[in-house]
Amino acid sequence: MKKKWLLLLMLVGAFGLFTACSDKQDSTEEGIKSYLENEFNGPDKDLQKILKDYGKTEESGNQMQSYYKDKFKPYLYGEKYQDLINTYDPLLWLQTAYAKGYKLKVKDIKVENTDSNDKTAYDFNVEVEYSKDGESAKTAKVQGLINVSDDGKIARIRNLDDGGLRDQMMSGQK
């Protein structure tokens, strides 16, 4: 009887551990998706105003920093936040879209752990629709790899291929 209880406790414990790991991975994947949605949707009215005024006043710089903190900091690993913002500007595509009169909209996001033994690396694929008033929408596929910290926050973004999105917006062609 004691062995049965011990076996039952071990099974319950293993199931709880599996569930906790699965929940953490789901949470990490959702955080990555939210980050990518912020990066490739817009620019919204708030960002348009910030970009229009940027550099004209000291306040516009503060507004830009607040925008970064609101939209991106919750998903980025604390001590890497400023490095990521400085070396990998998540507003690159939205700034280009604003400058060239485009709107970006995420159509689909896929995030997948690259290795079942290593829960810190995730491939992502984002289908981004971009359009200008009076023109038909076009799409680009953005893909890359995101590394996360032990707490599931984004620590590094690499191997990014934007499928020509930025170049296409700059030239106004597909």
N, C-alpha and C. Protein backbone atom coordinates (compact mmCIF):
# COMPACT_ATOMS: atom_id res chain seq x y z
N MET A 1 0.83 -1.20 0.00
CA MET A 1 0.00 0.00 0.00
C MET A 1 0.86 1.25 0.00
N LYS A 2 1.94 1.23 0.80
CA LYS A 2 2.84 2.38 0.88
C LYS A 2 3.47 2.66 -0.48
N LYS A 3 3.82 1.59 -1.21
CA LYS A 3 4.44 1.74 -2.53
C LYS A 3 3.48 2.40 -3.52
N LYS A 4 2.21 2.05 -3.42
CA LYS A 4 1.21 2.64 -4.31
C LYS A 4 1.09 4.14 -4.06
N TRP A 5 1.07 4.53 -2.78
CA TRP A 5 0.98 5.95 -2.45
C TRP A 5 2.22 6.70 -2.91
N LEU A 6 3.38 6.08 -2.74
CA LEU A 6 4.63 6.69 -3.17
C LEU A 6 4.63 6.85 -4.69
N LEU A 7 4.18 5.84 -5.40
CA LEU A 7 4.11 5.90 -6.86
C LEU A 7 3.12 6.99 -7.29
N LEU A 8 1.98 7.05 -6.63
CA LEU A 8 0.98 8.07 -6.94
C LEU A 8 1.53 9.47 -6.69
N LEU A 9 2.22 9.67 -5.57
CA LEU A 9 2.82 10.97 -5.28
C LEU A 9 3.87 11.35 -6.32
N MET A 10 4.66 10.39 -6.75
CA MET A 10 5.68 10.66 -7.77
C MET A 10 5.03 11.05 -9.10
N LEU A 11 3.96 10.37 -9.46
CA LEU A 11 3.25 10.69 -10.70
C LEU A 11 2.63 12.09 -10.63
N VAL A 12 1.99 12.40 -9.52
CA VAL A 12 1.39 13.73 -9.34
C VAL A 12 2.48 14.80 -9.38
N GLY A 13 3.59 14.56 -8.73
CA GLY A 13 4.70 15.52 -8.74
C GLY A 13 5.26 15.71 -10.13
N ALA A 14 5.45 14.64 -10.87
CA ALA A 14 5.97 14.73 -12.24
C ALA A 14 4.99 15.49 -13.13
N PHE A 15 3.69 15.22 -12.96
CA PHE A 15 2.69 15.94 -13.74
C PHE A 15 2.71 17.43 -13.41
N GLY A 16 2.83 17.75 -12.13
CA GLY A 16 2.89 19.16 -11.71
C GLY A 16 4.11 19.86 -12.29
N LEU A 17 5.25 19.20 -12.30
CA LEU A 17 6.47 19.77 -12.86
C LEU A 17 6.31 19.99 -14.36
N PHE A 18 5.73 19.01 -15.06
CA PHE A 18 5.51 19.13 -16.50
C PHE A 18 4.56 20.29 -16.79
N THR A 19 3.49 20.39 -16.01
CA THR A 19 2.53 21.46 -16.20
C THR A 19 3.16 22.82 -15.95
N ALA A 20 3.97 22.95 -14.92
CA ALA A 20 4.63 24.22 -14.62
C ALA A 20 5.58 24.61 -15.74
N CYS A 21 6.34 23.66 -16.27
CA CYS A 21 7.26 23.96 -17.38
C CYS A 21 6.49 24.36 -18.62
N SER A 22 5.38 23.66 -18.89
CA SER A 22 4.56 23.96 -20.05
C SER A 22 3.94 25.36 -19.91
N ASP A 23 3.46 25.71 -18.72
CA ASP A 23 2.88 27.03 -18.48
C ASP A 23 3.92 28.12 -18.69
N LYS A 24 5.16 27.90 -18.21
CA LYS A 24 6.22 28.89 -18.39
C LYS A 24 6.55 29.07 -19.86
N GLN A 25 6.61 27.96 -20.62
CA GLN A 25 6.90 28.06 -22.05
C GLN A 25 5.77 28.81 -22.76
N ASP A 26 4.52 28.50 -22.42
CA ASP A 26 3.38 29.21 -23.02
C ASP A 26 3.45 30.69 -22.71
N SER A 27 3.78 31.03 -21.47
CA SER A 27 3.90 32.43 -21.07
C SER A 27 5.02 33.13 -21.83
N THR A 28 6.14 32.45 -22.01
CA THR A 28 7.26 33.01 -22.77
C THR A 28 6.86 33.25 -24.21
N GLU A 29 6.21 32.28 -24.82
CA GLU A 29 5.77 32.41 -26.21
C GLU A 29 4.77 33.55 -26.36
N GLU A 30 3.86 33.70 -25.41
CA GLU A 30 2.89 34.80 -25.46
C GLU A 30 3.59 36.15 -25.33
N GLY A 31 4.60 36.23 -24.46
CA GLY A 31 5.37 37.46 -24.32
C GLY A 31 6.10 37.82 -25.60
N ILE A 32 6.69 36.84 -26.27
CA ILE A 32 7.37 37.08 -27.55
C ILE A 32 6.36 37.57 -28.59
N LYS A 33 5.20 36.94 -28.64
CA LYS A 33 4.17 37.35 -29.59
C LYS A 33 3.72 38.79 -29.33
N SER A 34 3.53 39.13 -28.06
CA SER A 34 3.11 40.50 -27.71
C SER A 34 4.17 41.52 -28.13
N TYR A 35 5.42 41.19 -27.87
CA TYR A 35 6.52 42.07 -28.29
C TYR A 35 6.49 42.27 -29.80
N LEU A 36 6.37 41.18 -30.56
CA LEU A 36 6.37 41.27 -32.03
C LEU A 36 5.15 42.03 -32.54
N GLU A 37 4.01 41.87 -31.89
CA GLU A 37 2.82 42.64 -32.27
C GLU A 37 3.07 44.14 -32.09
N ASN A 38 3.72 44.52 -31.00
CA ASN A 38 4.05 45.93 -30.78
C ASN A 38 5.05 46.44 -31.82
N GLU A 39 5.93 45.56 -32.25
CA GLU A 39 6.97 45.96 -33.20
C GLU A 39 6.44 46.11 -34.63
N PHE A 40 5.42 45.32 -34.99
CA PHE A 40 4.98 45.29 -36.39
C PHE A 40 3.52 45.68 -36.61
N ASN A 41 2.89 46.36 -35.66
CA ASN A 41 1.55 46.91 -35.84
C ASN A 41 1.62 48.42 -35.67
N GLY A 42 1.11 49.15 -36.66
CA GLY A 42 1.07 50.60 -36.51
C GLY A 42 1.68 51.32 -37.69
N PRO A 43 2.12 52.52 -37.48
CA PRO A 43 2.19 53.24 -36.21
C PRO A 43 0.82 53.73 -35.75
N ASP A 44 0.57 53.62 -34.44
CA ASP A 44 -0.68 54.10 -33.88
C ASP A 44 -0.63 55.62 -33.75
N LYS A 45 -1.75 56.21 -33.36
CA LYS A 45 -1.86 57.68 -33.26
C LYS A 45 -0.81 58.26 -32.31
N ASP A 46 -0.59 57.59 -31.17
CA ASP A 46 0.38 58.08 -30.19
C ASP A 46 1.78 58.14 -30.81
N LEU A 47 2.17 57.07 -31.46
CA LEU A 47 3.51 57.04 -32.06
C LEU A 47 3.61 58.04 -33.21
N GLN A 48 2.57 58.21 -33.98
CA GLN A 48 2.60 59.19 -35.06
C GLN A 48 2.87 60.60 -34.52
N LYS A 49 2.20 60.94 -33.42
CA LYS A 49 2.42 62.25 -32.82
C LYS A 49 3.86 62.38 -32.31
N ILE A 50 4.35 61.34 -31.65
CA ILE A 50 5.72 61.36 -31.12
C ILE A 50 6.71 61.52 -32.27
N LEU A 51 6.53 60.76 -33.34
CA LEU A 51 7.45 60.83 -34.47
C LEU A 51 7.37 62.19 -35.17
N LYS A 52 6.19 62.75 -35.25
CA LYS A 52 6.01 64.06 -35.88
C LYS A 52 6.78 65.14 -35.10
N ASP A 53 6.73 65.04 -33.77
CA ASP A 53 7.35 66.06 -32.91
C ASP A 53 8.78 65.73 -32.51
N TYR A 54 9.23 64.51 -32.81
CA TYR A 54 10.52 64.05 -32.30
C TYR A 54 11.68 64.96 -32.73
N GLY A 55 12.48 65.33 -31.76
CA GLY A 55 13.63 66.18 -32.02
C GLY A 55 13.35 67.66 -31.97
N LYS A 56 12.08 68.02 -31.92
CA LYS A 56 11.71 69.45 -31.90
C LYS A 56 11.74 70.03 -30.50
N THR A 57 11.48 69.17 -29.52
CA THR A 57 11.50 69.62 -28.13
C THR A 57 12.12 68.53 -27.26
N GLU A 58 12.54 68.93 -26.08
CA GLU A 58 13.08 67.96 -25.13
C GLU A 58 11.98 66.98 -24.71
N GLU A 59 10.77 67.47 -24.62
CA GLU A 59 9.65 66.63 -24.22
C GLU A 59 9.42 65.48 -25.21
N SER A 60 9.69 65.72 -26.49
CA SER A 60 9.48 64.65 -27.47
C SER A 60 10.42 63.47 -27.23
N GLY A 61 11.63 63.75 -26.77
CA GLY A 61 12.57 62.67 -26.42
C GLY A 61 12.06 61.87 -25.23
N ASN A 62 11.50 62.58 -24.25
CA ASN A 62 10.92 61.90 -23.09
C ASN A 62 9.71 61.05 -23.49
N GLN A 63 8.91 61.57 -24.41
CA GLN A 63 7.76 60.82 -24.89
C GLN A 63 8.20 59.55 -25.62
N MET A 64 9.28 59.65 -26.40
CA MET A 64 9.80 58.48 -27.11
C MET A 64 10.28 57.43 -26.11
N GLN A 65 11.01 57.86 -25.09
CA GLN A 65 11.47 56.93 -24.07
C GLN A 65 10.31 56.26 -23.35
N SER A 66 9.26 57.02 -23.07
CA SER A 66 8.06 56.46 -22.43
C SER A 66 7.39 55.43 -23.34
N TYR A 67 7.36 55.72 -24.63
CA TYR A 67 6.76 54.79 -25.59
C TYR A 67 7.53 53.47 -25.59
N TYR A 68 8.86 53.55 -25.65
CA TYR A 68 9.69 52.34 -25.59
C TYR A 68 9.39 51.54 -24.31
N LYS A 69 9.35 52.24 -23.20
CA LYS A 69 9.13 51.56 -21.92
C LYS A 69 7.76 50.91 -21.86
N ASP A 70 6.73 51.60 -22.35
CA ASP A 70 5.37 51.05 -22.32
C ASP A 70 5.21 49.85 -23.26
N LYS A 71 5.75 49.96 -24.46
CA LYS A 71 5.51 48.95 -25.48
C LYS A 71 6.48 47.78 -25.47
N PHE A 72 7.71 48.01 -25.01
CA PHE A 72 8.74 46.98 -25.16
C PHE A 72 9.38 46.49 -23.86
N LYS A 73 9.55 47.38 -22.91
CA LYS A 73 10.27 47.00 -21.69
C LYS A 73 9.64 45.82 -20.94
N PRO A 74 8.31 45.69 -20.89
CA PRO A 74 7.75 44.55 -20.16
C PRO A 74 8.20 43.18 -20.69
N TYR A 75 8.66 43.14 -21.92
CA TYR A 75 9.03 41.87 -22.55
C TYR A 75 10.53 41.65 -22.62
N LEU A 76 11.31 42.66 -22.23
CA LEU A 76 12.76 42.59 -22.36
C LEU A 76 13.41 42.35 -21.00
N TYR A 77 14.48 41.56 -21.02
CA TYR A 77 15.24 41.23 -19.83
C TYR A 77 15.84 42.50 -19.25
N GLY A 78 15.59 42.77 -17.98
CA GLY A 78 15.94 44.02 -17.30
C GLY A 78 17.29 44.60 -17.61
N GLU A 79 18.36 43.87 -17.32
CA GLU A 79 19.69 44.44 -17.49
C GLU A 79 20.10 44.56 -18.95
N LYS A 80 19.37 43.94 -19.85
CA LYS A 80 19.66 44.02 -21.29
C LYS A 80 18.77 45.04 -22.01
N TYR A 81 17.81 45.61 -21.30
CA TYR A 81 16.84 46.51 -21.93
C TYR A 81 17.50 47.61 -22.75
N GLN A 82 18.37 48.39 -22.13
CA GLN A 82 18.97 49.52 -22.84
C GLN A 82 19.85 49.06 -23.99
N ASP A 83 20.60 47.97 -23.80
CA ASP A 83 21.42 47.42 -24.89
C ASP A 83 20.57 47.02 -26.08
N LEU A 84 19.46 46.35 -25.80
CA LEU A 84 18.58 45.93 -26.89
C LEU A 84 17.98 47.12 -27.62
N ILE A 85 17.56 48.13 -26.89
CA ILE A 85 16.98 49.32 -27.52
C ILE A 85 18.04 50.03 -28.37
N ASN A 86 19.26 50.10 -27.87
CA ASN A 86 20.33 50.80 -28.59
C ASN A 86 20.84 50.05 -29.81
N THR A 87 20.93 48.71 -29.73
CA THR A 87 21.52 47.96 -30.83
C THR A 87 20.48 47.38 -31.78
N TYR A 88 19.30 47.12 -31.29
CA TYR A 88 18.23 46.55 -32.11
C TYR A 88 17.01 47.44 -31.90
N ASP A 89 16.84 48.42 -32.74
CA ASP A 89 15.76 49.38 -32.56
C ASP A 89 14.42 48.77 -32.97
N PRO A 90 13.56 48.45 -32.01
CA PRO A 90 12.29 47.82 -32.36
C PRO A 90 11.34 48.75 -33.11
N LEU A 91 11.64 50.03 -33.16
CA LEU A 91 10.78 50.95 -33.90
C LEU A 91 11.24 51.18 -35.34
N LEU A 92 12.27 50.49 -35.76
CA LEU A 92 12.82 50.69 -37.10
C LEU A 92 11.74 50.60 -38.19
N TRP A 93 10.92 49.56 -38.14
CA TRP A 93 9.91 49.36 -39.18
C TRP A 93 8.76 50.35 -39.04
N LEU A 94 8.38 50.67 -37.80
CA LEU A 94 7.29 51.64 -37.62
C LEU A 94 7.73 53.05 -37.99
N GLN A 95 8.99 53.39 -37.72
CA GLN A 95 9.51 54.71 -38.14
C GLN A 95 9.53 54.80 -39.66
N THR A 96 9.97 53.74 -40.32
CA THR A 96 10.00 53.72 -41.79
C THR A 96 8.58 53.81 -42.34
N ALA A 97 7.67 53.04 -41.76
CA ALA A 97 6.27 53.07 -42.20
C ALA A 97 5.71 54.49 -42.08
N TYR A 98 5.98 55.13 -40.96
CA TYR A 98 5.50 56.51 -40.75
C TYR A 98 6.08 57.46 -41.79
N ALA A 99 7.38 57.38 -41.99
CA ALA A 99 8.06 58.28 -42.93
C ALA A 99 7.58 58.10 -44.36
N LYS A 100 7.18 56.90 -44.73
CA LYS A 100 6.78 56.61 -46.10
C LYS A 100 5.27 56.47 -46.28
N GLY A 101 4.51 56.73 -45.21
CA GLY A 101 3.05 56.73 -45.32
C GLY A 101 2.40 55.36 -45.29
N TYR A 102 3.06 54.38 -44.71
CA TYR A 102 2.51 53.02 -44.63
C TYR A 102 1.91 52.74 -43.26
N LYS A 103 1.04 51.76 -43.24
CA LYS A 103 0.51 51.17 -42.01
C LYS A 103 0.92 49.70 -42.02
N LEU A 104 1.37 49.22 -40.88
CA LEU A 104 1.74 47.82 -40.73
C LEU A 104 0.69 47.10 -39.89
N LYS A 105 0.44 45.84 -40.26
CA LYS A 105 -0.52 45.04 -39.50
C LYS A 105 -0.05 43.60 -39.50
N VAL A 106 0.06 43.03 -38.31
CA VAL A 106 0.44 41.63 -38.17
C VAL A 106 -0.76 40.77 -38.59
N LYS A 107 -0.51 39.87 -39.52
CA LYS A 107 -1.54 38.93 -39.97
C LYS A 107 -1.42 37.59 -39.25
N ASP A 108 -0.19 37.18 -38.94
CA ASP A 108 0.03 35.89 -38.30
C ASP A 108 1.39 35.88 -37.62
N ILE A 109 1.47 35.24 -36.46
CA ILE A 109 2.73 35.07 -35.75
C ILE A 109 2.85 33.61 -35.33
N LYS A 110 4.01 33.06 -35.61
CA LYS A 110 4.33 31.71 -35.14
C LYS A 110 5.61 31.80 -34.32
N VAL A 111 5.58 31.26 -33.12
CA VAL A 111 6.73 31.21 -32.23
C VAL A 111 6.92 29.76 -31.82
N GLU A 112 8.14 29.27 -31.97
CA GLU A 112 8.39 27.86 -31.67
C GLU A 112 9.73 27.70 -30.97
N ASN A 113 9.71 26.95 -29.88
CA ASN A 113 10.95 26.63 -29.17
C ASN A 113 11.83 25.80 -30.10
N THR A 114 13.11 26.16 -30.20
CA THR A 114 14.00 25.50 -31.15
C THR A 114 14.54 24.17 -30.66
N ASP A 115 14.50 23.93 -29.36
CA ASP A 115 15.08 22.71 -28.80
C ASP A 115 14.34 22.37 -27.52
N SER A 116 13.78 21.17 -27.47
CA SER A 116 13.00 20.79 -26.29
C SER A 116 13.84 20.75 -25.01
N ASN A 117 15.16 20.62 -25.13
CA ASN A 117 16.03 20.60 -23.95
C ASN A 117 16.46 21.99 -23.52
N ASP A 118 16.43 22.94 -24.44
CA ASP A 118 16.87 24.31 -24.16
C ASP A 118 15.68 25.25 -24.37
N LYS A 119 15.12 25.71 -23.28
CA LYS A 119 13.92 26.56 -23.35
C LYS A 119 14.25 28.04 -23.50
N THR A 120 15.46 28.35 -23.98
CA THR A 120 15.85 29.76 -24.07
C THR A 120 15.95 30.28 -25.50
N ALA A 121 15.69 29.45 -26.50
CA ALA A 121 15.80 29.89 -27.89
C ALA A 121 14.50 29.59 -28.63
N TYR A 122 13.98 30.62 -29.32
CA TYR A 122 12.71 30.52 -30.03
C TYR A 122 12.85 31.10 -31.43
N ASP A 123 12.40 30.34 -32.43
CA ASP A 123 12.27 30.85 -33.79
C ASP A 123 10.95 31.59 -33.87
N PHE A 124 10.93 32.66 -34.66
CA PHE A 124 9.66 33.33 -34.90
C PHE A 124 9.50 33.64 -36.38
N ASN A 125 8.24 33.62 -36.81
CA ASN A 125 7.85 34.00 -38.16
C ASN A 125 6.64 34.91 -38.04
N VAL A 126 6.73 36.07 -38.65
CA VAL A 126 5.63 37.03 -38.59
C VAL A 126 5.25 37.40 -40.02
N GLU A 127 3.97 37.25 -40.33
CA GLU A 127 3.46 37.72 -41.62
C GLU A 127 2.92 39.12 -41.39
N VAL A 128 3.55 40.10 -42.05
CA VAL A 128 3.21 41.50 -41.86
C VAL A 128 2.59 42.05 -43.14
N GLU A 129 1.42 42.63 -42.99
CA GLU A 129 0.77 43.31 -44.11
C GLU A 129 1.14 44.79 -44.03
N TYR A 130 1.49 45.37 -45.16
CA TYR A 130 1.79 46.79 -45.18
C TYR A 130 1.03 47.44 -46.32
N SER A 131 0.49 48.63 -46.04
CA SER A 131 -0.35 49.29 -47.04
C SER A 131 -0.28 50.80 -46.90
N LYS A 132 -0.56 51.45 -48.03
CA LYS A 132 -0.70 52.90 -48.10
C LYS A 132 -2.13 53.19 -48.53
N ASP A 133 -2.62 54.37 -48.20
CA ASP A 133 -3.95 54.76 -48.66
C ASP A 133 -3.99 54.69 -50.19
N GLY A 134 -5.06 54.08 -50.70
CA GLY A 134 -5.26 54.02 -52.14
C GLY A 134 -4.47 52.93 -52.85
N GLU A 135 -3.72 52.14 -52.14
CA GLU A 135 -2.95 51.05 -52.76
C GLU A 135 -3.36 49.73 -52.13
N SER A 136 -3.22 48.67 -52.89
CA SER A 136 -3.53 47.36 -52.33
C SER A 136 -2.44 46.94 -51.34
N ALA A 137 -2.85 46.19 -50.35
CA ALA A 137 -1.93 45.74 -49.31
C ALA A 137 -0.97 44.69 -49.86
N LYS A 138 0.24 44.70 -49.32
CA LYS A 138 1.26 43.71 -49.66
C LYS A 138 1.67 43.03 -48.35
N THR A 139 2.35 41.90 -48.47
CA THR A 139 2.80 41.21 -47.27
C THR A 139 4.29 40.89 -47.35
N ALA A 140 4.88 40.78 -46.18
CA ALA A 140 6.28 40.37 -46.05
C ALA A 140 6.35 39.38 -44.90
N LYS A 141 7.29 38.46 -45.00
CA LYS A 141 7.51 37.49 -43.93
C LYS A 141 8.79 37.87 -43.19
N VAL A 142 8.65 38.14 -41.91
CA VAL A 142 9.77 38.49 -41.05
C VAL A 142 10.08 37.26 -40.20
N GLN A 143 11.35 36.91 -40.12
CA GLN A 143 11.71 35.74 -39.31
C GLN A 143 13.03 35.99 -38.58
N GLY A 144 13.21 35.27 -37.51
CA GLY A 144 14.43 35.41 -36.74
C GLY A 144 14.44 34.48 -35.55
N LEU A 145 15.38 34.73 -34.67
CA LEU A 145 15.58 33.91 -33.47
C LEU A 145 15.64 34.84 -32.27
N ILE A 146 14.93 34.46 -31.23
CA ILE A 146 14.93 35.22 -29.98
C ILE A 146 15.45 34.32 -28.87
N ASN A 147 16.40 34.84 -28.10
CA ASN A 147 16.87 34.15 -26.90
C ASN A 147 16.22 34.83 -25.71
N VAL A 148 15.82 34.02 -24.73
CA VAL A 148 15.19 34.56 -23.53
C VAL A 148 16.02 34.21 -22.31
N SER A 149 15.82 34.99 -21.26
CA SER A 149 16.48 34.74 -19.98
C SER A 149 15.74 33.62 -19.25
N ASP A 150 16.26 33.25 -18.10
CA ASP A 150 15.63 32.19 -17.30
C ASP A 150 14.20 32.55 -16.89
N ASP A 151 13.92 33.85 -16.78
CA ASP A 151 12.56 34.25 -16.40
C ASP A 151 11.65 34.49 -17.60
N GLY A 152 12.12 34.11 -18.81
CA GLY A 152 11.29 34.18 -20.00
C GLY A 152 11.26 35.53 -20.70
N LYS A 153 12.11 36.45 -20.29
CA LYS A 153 12.16 37.77 -20.93
C LYS A 153 13.16 37.75 -22.10
N ILE A 154 12.90 38.55 -23.11
CA ILE A 154 13.76 38.59 -24.30
C ILE A 154 15.11 39.18 -23.93
N ALA A 155 16.17 38.43 -24.22
CA ALA A 155 17.54 38.86 -23.91
C ALA A 155 18.33 39.18 -25.17
N ARG A 156 17.91 38.61 -26.30
CA ARG A 156 18.66 38.81 -27.55
C ARG A 156 17.77 38.48 -28.75
N ILE A 157 17.91 39.28 -29.79
CA ILE A 157 17.20 39.03 -31.05
C ILE A 157 18.27 38.93 -32.12
N ARG A 158 18.23 37.83 -32.90
CA ARG A 158 19.29 37.65 -33.89
C ARG A 158 18.77 36.93 -35.12
N ASN A 159 19.64 36.91 -36.13
CA ASN A 159 19.33 36.27 -37.41
C ASN A 159 18.02 36.80 -37.99
N LEU A 160 17.81 38.09 -37.85
CA LEU A 160 16.56 38.69 -38.32
C LEU A 160 16.61 38.88 -39.84
N ASP A 161 15.56 38.40 -40.49
CA ASP A 161 15.37 38.61 -41.93
C ASP A 161 13.98 39.21 -42.08
N ASP A 162 13.92 40.45 -42.53
CA ASP A 162 12.61 41.11 -42.63
C ASP A 162 11.93 40.87 -43.97
N GLY A 163 12.45 39.95 -44.77
CA GLY A 163 11.81 39.62 -46.04
C GLY A 163 11.74 40.79 -46.99
N GLY A 164 12.62 41.78 -46.81
CA GLY A 164 12.63 42.95 -47.67
C GLY A 164 11.62 44.01 -47.28
N LEU A 165 10.96 43.86 -46.15
CA LEU A 165 9.90 44.79 -45.73
C LEU A 165 10.38 46.24 -45.72
N ARG A 166 11.45 46.50 -45.04
CA ARG A 166 11.93 47.89 -44.93
C ARG A 166 12.33 48.44 -46.30
N ASP A 167 13.08 47.65 -47.05
CA ASP A 167 13.50 48.11 -48.39
C ASP A 167 12.30 48.37 -49.29
N GLN A 168 11.28 47.51 -49.20
CA GLN A 168 10.10 47.69 -50.02
C GLN A 168 9.34 48.95 -49.63
N MET A 169 9.28 49.26 -48.34
CA MET A 169 8.63 50.49 -47.91
C MET A 169 9.44 51.70 -48.36
N MET A 170 10.76 51.60 -48.25
CA MET A 170 11.62 52.72 -48.65
C MET A 170 11.48 53.03 -50.14
N SER A 171 11.37 51.98 -50.94
CA SER A 171 11.27 52.20 -52.38
C SER A 171 9.83 52.36 -52.86
N GLY A 172 8.89 51.98 -51.99
CA GLY A 172 7.49 52.08 -52.36
C GLY A 172 7.07 51.01 -53.35
N GLN A 173 7.85 49.92 -53.46
CA GLN A 173 7.58 48.86 -54.43
C GLN A 173 7.52 47.51 -53.74
N LYS A 174 7.08 46.55 -54.50
CA LYS A 174 7.13 45.13 -54.06
C LYS A 174 7.70 44.33 -55.19
